[in-house]
Amino acid sequence: MSPAFRAMDVEPRAKGVLLEPFIHQVGGHSCVLRFNETTLCKPLVPREHQFYETLPAEMRRFTPQYKAQHLTPSVFKPW
């Protein structure tokens, strides 16, 4: 776990969570962020959402786990 995430355990944030850039990003996706060791956040593509929602059970063990859809404001502040 990165130092930024360890700090979050001690200092609660009332206004959100800290997302880190995902450094192993591949082509085709923009703005992939890392929430924790097992969760990435990225913009929702309707076709991709439909794919995961209708994926046959037999295929799920071969695909990344689709955890949820969250609506979040796009807030990027220059530091």
N, C-alpha and C. Protein backbone atom coordinates (compact mmCIF):
# COMPACT_ATOMS: atom_id res chain seq x y z
N MET A 1 0.85 -1.18 0.00
CA MET A 1 0.00 0.00 0.00
C MET A 1 0.90 1.23 0.00
N SER A 2 0.52 2.23 -0.77
CA SER A 2 1.33 3.43 -0.89
C SER A 2 1.19 4.30 0.36
N PRO A 3 2.15 5.18 0.62
CA PRO A 3 2.06 6.09 1.77
C PRO A 3 0.79 6.94 1.74
N ALA A 4 0.34 7.32 0.55
CA ALA A 4 -0.87 8.14 0.45
C ALA A 4 -2.08 7.40 0.99
N PHE A 5 -2.19 6.11 0.71
CA PHE A 5 -3.32 5.34 1.20
C PHE A 5 -3.20 5.06 2.70
N ARG A 6 -1.98 4.87 3.19
CA ARG A 6 -1.81 4.68 4.64
C ARG A 6 -2.25 5.94 5.38
N ALA A 7 -1.96 7.10 4.83
CA ALA A 7 -2.36 8.36 5.46
C ALA A 7 -3.88 8.47 5.51
N MET A 8 -4.55 7.93 4.52
CA MET A 8 -6.02 7.99 4.51
C MET A 8 -6.62 7.19 5.65
N ASP A 9 -5.94 6.12 6.09
CA ASP A 9 -6.44 5.32 7.20
C ASP A 9 -6.44 6.11 8.50
N VAL A 10 -5.51 7.05 8.63
CA VAL A 10 -5.36 7.81 9.86
C VAL A 10 -6.14 9.12 9.81
N GLU A 11 -6.17 9.74 8.65
CA GLU A 11 -6.80 11.05 8.50
C GLU A 11 -8.03 10.93 7.61
N PRO A 12 -9.23 10.84 8.20
CA PRO A 12 -10.43 10.72 7.37
C PRO A 12 -10.65 11.96 6.51
N ARG A 13 -11.11 11.75 5.30
CA ARG A 13 -11.39 12.86 4.38
C ARG A 13 -12.89 13.02 4.27
N ALA A 14 -13.39 14.18 4.62
CA ALA A 14 -14.82 14.43 4.57
C ALA A 14 -15.31 14.67 3.14
N LYS A 15 -14.42 15.11 2.25
CA LYS A 15 -14.84 15.52 0.92
C LYS A 15 -14.50 14.53 -0.18
N GLY A 16 -13.93 13.37 0.12
CA GLY A 16 -13.62 12.43 -0.95
C GLY A 16 -12.47 11.52 -0.60
N VAL A 17 -11.95 10.86 -1.62
CA VAL A 17 -10.83 9.95 -1.45
C VAL A 17 -9.72 10.35 -2.41
N LEU A 18 -8.53 9.95 -2.09
CA LEU A 18 -7.38 10.23 -2.92
C LEU A 18 -7.20 9.11 -3.93
N LEU A 19 -7.16 9.45 -5.21
CA LEU A 19 -6.90 8.48 -6.27
C LEU A 19 -5.52 8.77 -6.85
N GLU A 20 -4.76 7.72 -7.09
CA GLU A 20 -3.42 7.87 -7.67
C GLU A 20 -3.45 7.50 -9.14
N PRO A 21 -2.59 8.11 -9.96
CA PRO A 21 -2.51 7.68 -11.36
C PRO A 21 -2.10 6.21 -11.44
N PHE A 22 -2.68 5.49 -12.37
CA PHE A 22 -2.32 4.08 -12.58
C PHE A 22 -1.18 4.04 -13.58
N ILE A 23 0.01 3.65 -13.13
CA ILE A 23 1.21 3.76 -13.97
C ILE A 23 1.34 2.64 -15.01
N HIS A 24 0.54 1.59 -14.90
CA HIS A 24 0.63 0.48 -15.84
C HIS A 24 -0.47 0.54 -16.89
N GLN A 25 -0.95 1.72 -17.15
CA GLN A 25 -2.05 1.93 -18.10
C GLN A 25 -1.62 1.55 -19.51
N VAL A 26 -2.54 0.94 -20.25
CA VAL A 26 -2.27 0.58 -21.64
C VAL A 26 -3.07 1.49 -22.56
N GLY A 27 -2.79 1.41 -23.85
CA GLY A 27 -3.48 2.25 -24.82
C GLY A 27 -4.97 2.00 -24.84
N GLY A 28 -5.70 3.01 -25.26
CA GLY A 28 -7.14 2.87 -25.39
C GLY A 28 -7.93 3.45 -24.24
N HIS A 29 -7.30 3.72 -23.13
CA HIS A 29 -8.00 4.28 -21.99
C HIS A 29 -7.30 5.56 -21.57
N SER A 30 -8.09 6.57 -21.25
CA SER A 30 -7.51 7.79 -20.71
C SER A 30 -7.96 7.94 -19.27
N CYS A 31 -7.14 8.54 -18.47
CA CYS A 31 -7.49 8.86 -17.09
C CYS A 31 -7.86 7.62 -16.26
N VAL A 32 -6.98 6.64 -16.23
CA VAL A 32 -7.19 5.48 -15.35
C VAL A 32 -6.52 5.80 -14.03
N LEU A 33 -7.28 5.69 -12.94
CA LEU A 33 -6.78 6.01 -11.60
C LEU A 33 -6.86 4.79 -10.71
N ARG A 34 -5.97 4.72 -9.74
CA ARG A 34 -5.89 3.59 -8.82
C ARG A 34 -6.53 3.98 -7.49
N PHE A 35 -7.51 3.21 -7.05
CA PHE A 35 -8.16 3.44 -5.77
C PHE A 35 -7.44 2.68 -4.66
N ASN A 36 -7.12 1.41 -4.92
CA ASN A 36 -6.36 0.59 -3.97
C ASN A 36 -5.66 -0.52 -4.74
N GLU A 37 -5.17 -1.52 -4.04
CA GLU A 37 -4.40 -2.59 -4.68
C GLU A 37 -5.20 -3.38 -5.71
N THR A 38 -6.51 -3.43 -5.58
CA THR A 38 -7.32 -4.27 -6.47
C THR A 38 -8.38 -3.51 -7.25
N THR A 39 -8.41 -2.18 -7.14
CA THR A 39 -9.49 -1.42 -7.77
C THR A 39 -8.96 -0.25 -8.59
N LEU A 40 -9.39 -0.19 -9.85
CA LEU A 40 -9.08 0.93 -10.72
C LEU A 40 -10.36 1.70 -11.00
N CYS A 41 -10.23 2.99 -11.23
CA CYS A 41 -11.37 3.83 -11.58
C CYS A 41 -11.09 4.44 -12.94
N LYS A 42 -12.10 4.45 -13.78
CA LYS A 42 -11.95 5.03 -15.11
C LYS A 42 -13.29 5.53 -15.59
N PRO A 43 -13.29 6.39 -16.60
CA PRO A 43 -14.57 6.87 -17.12
C PRO A 43 -15.43 5.70 -17.61
N LEU A 44 -16.71 5.83 -17.40
CA LEU A 44 -17.64 4.79 -17.81
C LEU A 44 -17.95 4.91 -19.30
N VAL A 45 -17.76 3.82 -20.01
CA VAL A 45 -18.11 3.73 -21.42
C VAL A 45 -19.39 2.89 -21.47
N PRO A 46 -20.49 3.43 -21.98
CA PRO A 46 -21.77 2.69 -21.95
C PRO A 46 -21.69 1.28 -22.52
N ARG A 47 -20.96 1.09 -23.60
CA ARG A 47 -20.87 -0.24 -24.20
C ARG A 47 -20.13 -1.21 -23.27
N GLU A 48 -19.09 -0.74 -22.62
CA GLU A 48 -18.34 -1.58 -21.68
C GLU A 48 -19.21 -1.93 -20.47
N HIS A 49 -19.96 -0.96 -19.98
CA HIS A 49 -20.88 -1.20 -18.87
C HIS A 49 -21.89 -2.29 -19.24
N GLN A 50 -22.46 -2.19 -20.42
CA GLN A 50 -23.42 -3.19 -20.88
C GLN A 50 -22.76 -4.57 -20.98
N PHE A 51 -21.51 -4.62 -21.45
CA PHE A 51 -20.79 -5.88 -21.55
C PHE A 51 -20.70 -6.57 -20.18
N TYR A 52 -20.24 -5.83 -19.17
CA TYR A 52 -20.09 -6.43 -17.84
C TYR A 52 -21.43 -6.80 -17.21
N GLU A 53 -22.45 -6.00 -17.44
CA GLU A 53 -23.76 -6.28 -16.86
C GLU A 53 -24.44 -7.50 -17.49
N THR A 54 -24.10 -7.81 -18.73
CA THR A 54 -24.75 -8.94 -19.42
C THR A 54 -23.82 -10.12 -19.63
N LEU A 55 -22.65 -10.08 -19.04
CA LEU A 55 -21.65 -11.15 -19.21
C LEU A 55 -22.18 -12.47 -18.66
N PRO A 56 -22.14 -13.54 -19.46
CA PRO A 56 -22.59 -14.85 -18.95
C PRO A 56 -21.73 -15.30 -17.77
N ALA A 57 -22.33 -15.95 -16.81
CA ALA A 57 -21.64 -16.40 -15.60
C ALA A 57 -20.42 -17.24 -15.93
N GLU A 58 -20.49 -18.04 -16.99
CA GLU A 58 -19.39 -18.92 -17.37
C GLU A 58 -18.14 -18.15 -17.79
N MET A 59 -18.30 -16.89 -18.18
CA MET A 59 -17.18 -16.08 -18.65
C MET A 59 -16.56 -15.22 -17.55
N ARG A 60 -17.24 -15.08 -16.44
CA ARG A 60 -16.80 -14.12 -15.41
C ARG A 60 -15.43 -14.44 -14.82
N ARG A 61 -15.06 -15.70 -14.74
CA ARG A 61 -13.75 -16.02 -14.16
C ARG A 61 -12.60 -15.63 -15.08
N PHE A 62 -12.88 -15.32 -16.34
CA PHE A 62 -11.85 -14.95 -17.30
C PHE A 62 -11.77 -13.44 -17.53
N THR A 63 -12.58 -12.67 -16.86
CA THR A 63 -12.61 -11.22 -17.07
C THR A 63 -12.34 -10.48 -15.76
N PRO A 64 -11.90 -9.21 -15.86
CA PRO A 64 -11.71 -8.43 -14.64
C PRO A 64 -13.03 -8.30 -13.88
N GLN A 65 -12.93 -8.23 -12.57
CA GLN A 65 -14.13 -8.08 -11.75
C GLN A 65 -14.69 -6.67 -11.94
N TYR A 66 -15.96 -6.60 -12.25
CA TYR A 66 -16.65 -5.31 -12.40
C TYR A 66 -17.30 -5.03 -11.06
N LYS A 67 -16.77 -4.06 -10.32
CA LYS A 67 -17.23 -3.85 -8.95
C LYS A 67 -18.50 -3.02 -8.87
N ALA A 68 -18.56 -1.93 -9.59
CA ALA A 68 -19.74 -1.07 -9.48
C ALA A 68 -19.62 0.11 -10.41
N GLN A 69 -20.70 0.82 -10.49
CA GLN A 69 -20.73 2.07 -11.23
C GLN A 69 -20.97 3.18 -10.21
N HIS A 70 -20.10 4.18 -10.20
CA HIS A 70 -20.25 5.30 -9.28
C HIS A 70 -20.23 6.59 -10.08
N LEU A 71 -21.14 7.46 -9.77
CA LEU A 71 -21.14 8.78 -10.39
C LEU A 71 -20.34 9.71 -9.50
N THR A 72 -19.30 10.28 -10.05
CA THR A 72 -18.46 11.19 -9.28
C THR A 72 -18.21 12.44 -10.10
N PRO A 73 -18.11 13.57 -9.45
CA PRO A 73 -17.78 14.79 -10.20
C PRO A 73 -16.34 14.73 -10.68
N SER A 74 -16.10 15.28 -11.84
CA SER A 74 -14.73 15.35 -12.36
C SER A 74 -14.09 16.61 -11.82
N VAL A 75 -13.30 16.45 -10.80
CA VAL A 75 -12.66 17.60 -10.17
C VAL A 75 -11.16 17.38 -10.20
N PHE A 76 -10.47 18.16 -10.98
CA PHE A 76 -9.02 18.10 -11.03
C PHE A 76 -8.50 19.48 -10.69
N LYS A 77 -7.77 19.58 -9.61
CA LYS A 77 -7.26 20.87 -9.17
C LYS A 77 -5.76 20.93 -9.44
N PRO A 78 -5.29 21.97 -10.10
CA PRO A 78 -3.84 22.12 -10.26
C PRO A 78 -3.22 22.49 -8.91
N TRP A 79 -2.21 21.78 -8.52
CA TRP A 79 -1.59 22.03 -7.21
C TRP A 79 -0.48 22.98 -7.38
